[in-house]
Amino acid sequence: MGFFKSLFGSAVENPEEKRQEELAKKFDVLKYDGVRALRSGQMAYAKQCFTHALEIKDDLEVRDYLSEALMRSGEMLPALEQLRLLCEAQPDNGRIYVRMAQAAYMLEDYTAMAQACEKALAIDAEDILALYLYARAYRGQHNPILAVAMLTKAIALDEHYGDAYLLRGEILLEMGDVEGAAQDADLLLERNPGHEDVLMLKARVAEAAGRHDEALALYGQVIDANPFCTAAYKERGAIRYATGDKEGASEDMRQLLELEPGMADSLTGQYQAEGKD
């Protein structure tokens, strides 16, 4: 057939075959242009390429890329729709459910997040990222006990999982378990002595234990590491105000308002309330 086609190309050429070949080439160009745009951070062009590619052919890999581009653009609902279609095609792919949980988290839909994590863990009970996200979902649902349980499972599977220790420490502190939070904070501090989030946790633990001077020093370390950390200025200023250091509190307020001018009313009210205690 190939010999005759080469001899009588135009006479035996099938228009439909030619159209399909042109569409296949166009699909490949759109797909790989989209991937390049995705990797270089050009989300608008990437989404455009992937959307047009899917109009030519339904391709799971392209849907996966499109869901990633949508998530990175902050378009979580369209991303979830793409992920839902992927789940229908690949119901045993736990990675897709994890991505769904991440998108649901950005939407603060903790019920959908928990459901996605449960499905991911049904596929792989030792998926530590799914366990971590499940803990976040439980925290969002105001269920700290189960959140801590999920994080403890993740840590048992990977004792170096720093994010799990950090989140567990934060939740334990919220529950009033200062000692438990301190243990996680101290372990993290040994491993990451200059980490901003670890220092913040340690500072909050120190303040909860009534060690104001230690907390102030730790907040100072946070600010040295990141002069734009508004939470550190706010919390340090509140301690200074409550302990009678009005000048220091005012300085922290000034620094904070330079970073976030819209916080003036809430800050004044909070400092006054804490100063009365």
Protein backbone atom coordinates (compact mmCIF):
# COMPACT_ATOMS: atom_id res chain seq x y z
CA MET A 1 0.00 0.00 0.00
CA GLY A 2 2.82 2.36 0.87
CA PHE A 3 4.45 1.78 -2.60
CA PHE A 4 1.28 2.67 -4.50
CA LYS A 5 0.59 5.61 -2.22
CA SER A 6 4.03 7.01 -3.02
CA LEU A 7 3.40 6.57 -6.74
CA PHE A 8 -0.14 7.90 -6.83
CA GLY A 9 -0.11 10.06 -3.69
CA SER A 10 -2.81 12.58 -4.53
CA ALA A 11 -4.98 10.05 -6.33
CA VAL A 12 -5.29 7.56 -3.45
CA GLU A 13 -4.92 9.94 -0.53
CA ASN A 14 -7.70 9.58 2.05
CA PRO A 15 -8.89 13.05 3.18
CA GLU A 16 -10.06 11.70 6.55
CA GLU A 17 -6.71 10.05 7.22
CA LYS A 18 -4.96 13.30 6.38
CA ARG A 19 -7.27 15.24 8.71
CA GLN A 20 -6.62 12.81 11.53
CA GLU A 21 -2.86 13.05 11.00
CA GLU A 22 -3.04 16.85 11.12
CA LEU A 23 -5.13 16.73 14.31
CA ALA A 24 -2.67 14.31 15.91
CA LYS A 25 0.21 16.65 15.09
CA LYS A 26 -1.73 19.63 16.44
CA PHE A 27 -2.52 17.69 19.62
CA ASP A 28 1.16 16.88 20.17
CA VAL A 29 2.18 20.50 19.62
CA LEU A 30 -0.46 21.79 22.05
CA LYS A 31 0.43 19.18 24.66
CA TYR A 32 4.15 19.80 24.65
CA ASP A 33 3.80 23.58 24.35
CA GLY A 34 1.52 23.37 27.38
CA VAL A 35 4.04 21.32 29.34
CA ARG A 36 6.79 23.81 28.57
CA ALA A 37 4.55 26.69 29.63
CA LEU A 38 3.60 24.85 32.83
CA ARG A 39 7.23 24.24 33.73
CA SER A 40 8.16 27.87 33.07
CA GLY A 41 5.25 29.27 35.11
CA GLN A 42 3.16 30.54 32.19
CA MET A 43 -0.11 29.24 33.58
CA ALA A 44 -2.52 31.11 31.30
CA TYR A 45 -0.86 29.79 28.15
CA ALA A 46 -0.52 26.30 29.63
CA LYS A 47 -4.25 26.16 30.42
CA GLN A 48 -5.08 27.36 26.93
CA CYS A 49 -2.89 24.71 25.31
CA PHE A 50 -4.22 21.86 27.45
CA THR A 51 -7.85 22.92 26.96
CA HIS A 52 -7.48 22.99 23.17
CA ALA A 53 -5.61 19.67 23.22
CA LEU A 54 -8.51 18.06 25.09
CA GLU A 55 -10.90 19.37 22.46
CA ILE A 56 -9.00 17.25 19.97
CA LYS A 57 -8.57 14.15 22.13
CA ASP A 58 -9.50 13.10 25.65
CA ASP A 59 -6.11 12.31 27.18
CA LEU A 60 -5.60 11.51 30.88
CA GLU A 61 -2.06 12.90 30.98
CA VAL A 62 -3.25 16.21 29.55
CA ARG A 63 -6.09 16.34 32.10
CA ASP A 64 -3.53 15.77 34.83
CA TYR A 65 -1.40 18.64 33.52
CA LEU A 66 -4.48 20.87 33.23
CA SER A 67 -5.48 20.13 36.83
CA GLU A 68 -1.99 21.12 37.96
CA ALA A 69 -2.10 24.37 35.96
CA LEU A 70 -5.54 25.20 37.38
CA MET A 71 -4.40 24.55 40.95
CA ARG A 72 -1.31 26.69 40.49
CA SER A 73 -3.57 29.45 39.16
CA GLY A 74 -5.82 29.21 42.22
CA GLU A 75 -8.77 27.82 40.24
CA MET A 76 -9.63 24.99 42.62
CA LEU A 77 -13.19 24.18 41.52
CA PRO A 78 -12.22 23.62 37.85
CA ALA A 79 -9.19 21.68 39.05
CA LEU A 80 -11.41 19.43 41.16
CA GLU A 81 -13.60 18.74 38.14
CA GLN A 82 -10.57 17.61 36.14
CA LEU A 83 -9.42 15.45 39.04
CA ARG A 84 -12.89 13.94 39.36
CA LEU A 85 -12.72 12.84 35.72
CA LEU A 86 -9.28 11.38 36.35
CA CYS A 87 -10.60 9.45 39.36
CA GLU A 88 -13.38 7.97 37.23
CA ALA A 89 -10.80 6.76 34.73
CA GLN A 90 -8.23 5.62 37.32
CA PRO A 91 -10.08 4.79 40.56
CA ASP A 92 -7.02 3.00 42.02
CA ASN A 93 -4.65 5.95 41.61
CA GLY A 94 -4.14 7.32 45.12
CA ARG A 95 -2.09 10.27 43.89
CA ILE A 96 -5.19 11.75 42.28
CA TYR A 97 -7.12 11.64 45.57
CA VAL A 98 -4.21 13.35 47.31
CA ARG A 99 -4.33 16.14 44.74
CA MET A 100 -8.09 16.40 45.29
CA ALA A 101 -7.47 16.77 49.02
CA GLN A 102 -4.96 19.56 48.38
CA ALA A 103 -7.45 21.42 46.17
CA ALA A 104 -10.24 20.95 48.72
CA TYR A 105 -7.95 22.33 51.43
CA MET A 106 -7.47 25.53 49.45
CA LEU A 107 -11.26 25.83 49.26
CA GLU A 108 -11.54 25.13 53.01
CA ASP A 109 -13.88 22.26 52.14
CA TYR A 110 -12.71 19.98 54.91
CA THR A 111 -15.43 17.39 54.34
CA ALA A 112 -14.40 16.84 50.72
CA MET A 113 -10.79 16.90 51.83
CA ALA A 114 -11.35 14.16 54.40
CA GLN A 115 -13.25 12.04 51.88
CA ALA A 116 -10.41 12.30 49.38
CA CYS A 117 -7.83 11.38 52.03
CA GLU A 118 -9.91 8.39 53.11
CA LYS A 119 -9.99 7.11 49.54
CA ALA A 120 -6.25 7.63 49.14
CA LEU A 121 -5.57 5.71 52.34
CA ALA A 122 -7.89 2.89 51.25
CA ILE A 123 -5.50 2.43 48.33
CA ASP A 124 -2.32 2.87 50.38
CA ALA A 125 -2.67 2.92 54.16
CA GLU A 126 0.94 4.12 54.50
CA ASP A 127 0.65 7.20 52.29
CA ILE A 128 2.16 9.72 54.71
CA LEU A 129 1.08 12.75 52.68
CA ALA A 130 -2.52 11.51 52.75
CA LEU A 131 -2.22 11.03 56.52
CA TYR A 132 -0.84 14.56 56.90
CA LEU A 133 -3.64 16.05 54.79
CA TYR A 134 -6.22 14.01 56.68
CA ALA A 135 -4.90 15.61 59.87
CA ARG A 136 -5.37 19.05 58.32
CA ALA A 137 -8.92 18.09 57.37
CA TYR A 138 -9.68 16.94 60.92
CA ARG A 139 -8.21 20.15 62.28
CA GLY A 140 -10.49 22.11 59.96
CA GLN A 141 -13.42 20.05 61.24
CA HIS A 142 -12.45 20.89 64.84
CA ASN A 143 -11.47 17.32 65.65
CA PRO A 144 -7.96 17.73 67.10
CA ILE A 145 -7.77 14.26 68.67
CA LEU A 146 -8.12 12.47 65.32
CA ALA A 147 -5.82 15.05 63.72
CA VAL A 148 -3.09 14.19 66.24
CA ALA A 149 -3.73 10.48 65.67
CA MET A 150 -3.16 10.86 61.92
CA LEU A 151 0.03 12.84 62.44
CA THR A 152 1.31 10.29 64.93
CA LYS A 153 0.76 7.56 62.31
CA ALA A 154 2.66 9.61 59.72
CA ILE A 155 5.56 10.15 62.14
CA ALA A 156 5.64 6.43 62.96
CA LEU A 157 6.13 5.78 59.24
CA ASP A 158 8.73 8.53 58.83
CA GLU A 159 10.41 9.82 61.99
CA HIS A 160 12.01 12.66 60.02
CA TYR A 161 8.69 14.07 58.76
CA GLY A 162 9.20 17.59 60.09
CA ASP A 163 5.90 19.03 58.82
CA ALA A 164 3.99 16.38 60.76
CA TYR A 165 5.84 17.20 64.00
CA LEU A 166 5.22 20.91 63.45
CA LEU A 167 1.50 20.52 62.80
CA ARG A 168 1.13 18.11 65.71
CA GLY A 169 2.89 20.56 68.02
CA GLU A 170 0.58 23.37 66.91
CA ILE A 171 -2.53 21.27 67.48
CA LEU A 172 -1.35 19.99 70.85
CA LEU A 173 -0.77 23.58 71.92
CA GLU A 174 -4.28 24.52 70.78
CA MET A 175 -5.58 21.63 72.91
CA GLY A 176 -3.72 22.96 75.94
CA ASP A 177 -1.14 20.17 75.98
CA VAL A 178 1.82 22.50 76.47
CA GLU A 179 4.17 19.69 77.48
CA GLY A 180 3.37 17.61 74.40
CA ALA A 181 3.76 20.65 72.15
CA ALA A 182 7.07 21.46 73.83
CA GLN A 183 8.41 17.98 73.07
CA ASP A 184 7.68 18.38 69.36
CA ALA A 185 9.05 21.92 69.36
CA ASP A 186 12.29 20.88 71.09
CA LEU A 187 12.84 17.97 68.72
CA LEU A 188 12.32 20.21 65.71
CA LEU A 189 14.57 22.89 67.16
CA GLU A 190 17.40 20.37 67.48
CA ARG A 191 17.03 19.45 63.83
CA ASN A 192 16.22 22.90 62.42
CA PRO A 193 17.56 25.51 64.87
CA GLY A 194 16.93 28.53 62.66
CA HIS A 195 13.65 27.53 61.03
CA GLU A 196 11.08 30.33 61.26
CA ASP A 197 8.03 28.11 61.82
CA VAL A 198 9.84 26.03 64.44
CA LEU A 199 10.91 29.16 66.32
CA MET A 200 7.31 30.43 66.21
CA LEU A 201 6.04 27.19 67.72
CA LYS A 202 8.71 27.28 70.42
CA ALA A 203 7.89 30.93 71.21
CA ARG A 204 4.19 30.13 71.57
CA VAL A 205 4.98 27.16 73.79
CA ALA A 206 7.19 29.36 76.00
CA GLU A 207 4.47 31.99 76.30
CA ALA A 208 1.82 29.38 77.08
CA ALA A 209 4.09 28.13 79.87
CA GLY A 210 4.39 31.67 81.24
CA ARG A 211 8.04 32.13 80.24
CA HIS A 212 7.61 35.63 78.82
CA ASP A 213 11.29 36.53 78.52
CA GLU A 214 12.05 33.33 76.63
CA ALA A 215 9.08 33.90 74.34
CA LEU A 216 10.18 37.48 73.62
CA ALA A 217 13.70 36.31 72.77
CA LEU A 218 12.35 33.62 70.44
CA TYR A 219 10.05 36.07 68.65
CA GLY A 220 13.10 38.26 68.21
CA GLN A 221 14.89 35.36 66.52
CA VAL A 222 11.92 34.87 64.20
CA ILE A 223 12.02 38.54 63.22
CA ASP A 224 15.78 38.37 62.67
CA ALA A 225 15.20 35.41 60.35
CA ASN A 226 12.24 37.05 58.61
CA PRO A 227 11.67 40.80 59.17
CA PHE A 228 8.33 40.47 57.33
CA CYS A 229 6.75 37.95 59.73
CA THR A 230 3.64 39.85 60.84
CA ALA A 231 2.58 37.15 63.32
CA ALA A 232 5.84 37.55 65.25
CA TYR A 233 5.42 41.34 65.58
CA LYS A 234 1.78 40.93 66.60
CA GLU A 235 2.41 38.26 69.23
CA ARG A 236 5.55 39.85 70.62
CA GLY A 237 3.79 43.20 70.83
CA ALA A 238 0.90 41.61 72.72
CA ILE A 239 3.31 40.16 75.31
CA ARG A 240 5.13 43.48 75.68
CA TYR A 241 1.85 45.30 76.18
CA ALA A 242 0.60 42.77 78.73
CA THR A 243 3.86 42.93 80.70
CA GLY A 244 3.93 46.73 80.84
CA ASP A 245 6.41 47.44 78.03
CA LYS A 246 4.23 50.01 76.26
CA GLU A 247 7.13 51.47 74.28
CA GLY A 248 8.16 48.06 72.94
CA ALA A 249 4.55 47.21 72.14
CA SER A 250 4.16 50.49 70.24
CA GLU A 251 7.29 49.79 68.23
CA ASP A 252 5.98 46.34 67.27
CA MET A 253 2.65 47.88 66.33
CA ARG A 254 4.38 50.45 64.12
CA GLN A 255 6.41 47.73 62.41
CA LEU A 256 3.32 45.61 61.90
CA LEU A 257 1.24 48.45 60.50
CA GLU A 258 3.96 49.23 57.99
CA LEU A 259 3.56 45.65 56.73
CA GLU A 260 -0.25 45.43 57.10
CA PRO A 261 -1.86 48.87 57.48
CA GLY A 262 -5.38 47.41 57.62
CA MET A 263 -4.78 45.76 61.00
CA ALA A 264 -4.88 48.94 63.09
CA ASP A 265 -8.30 48.48 64.71
CA SER A 266 -7.88 44.81 65.58
CA LEU A 267 -4.42 45.38 67.02
CA THR A 268 -5.46 48.23 69.27
CA GLY A 269 -8.40 46.26 70.62
CA GLN A 270 -6.31 43.15 71.19
CA TYR A 271 -3.48 44.93 73.00
CA GLN A 272 -5.93 46.77 75.24
CA ALA A 273 -7.76 43.54 76.06
CA GLU A 274 -4.54 41.72 76.89
CA GLY A 275 -3.27 44.65 78.90
CA LYS A 276 -6.32 44.48 81.19
CA ASP A 277 -5.64 40.88 82.21
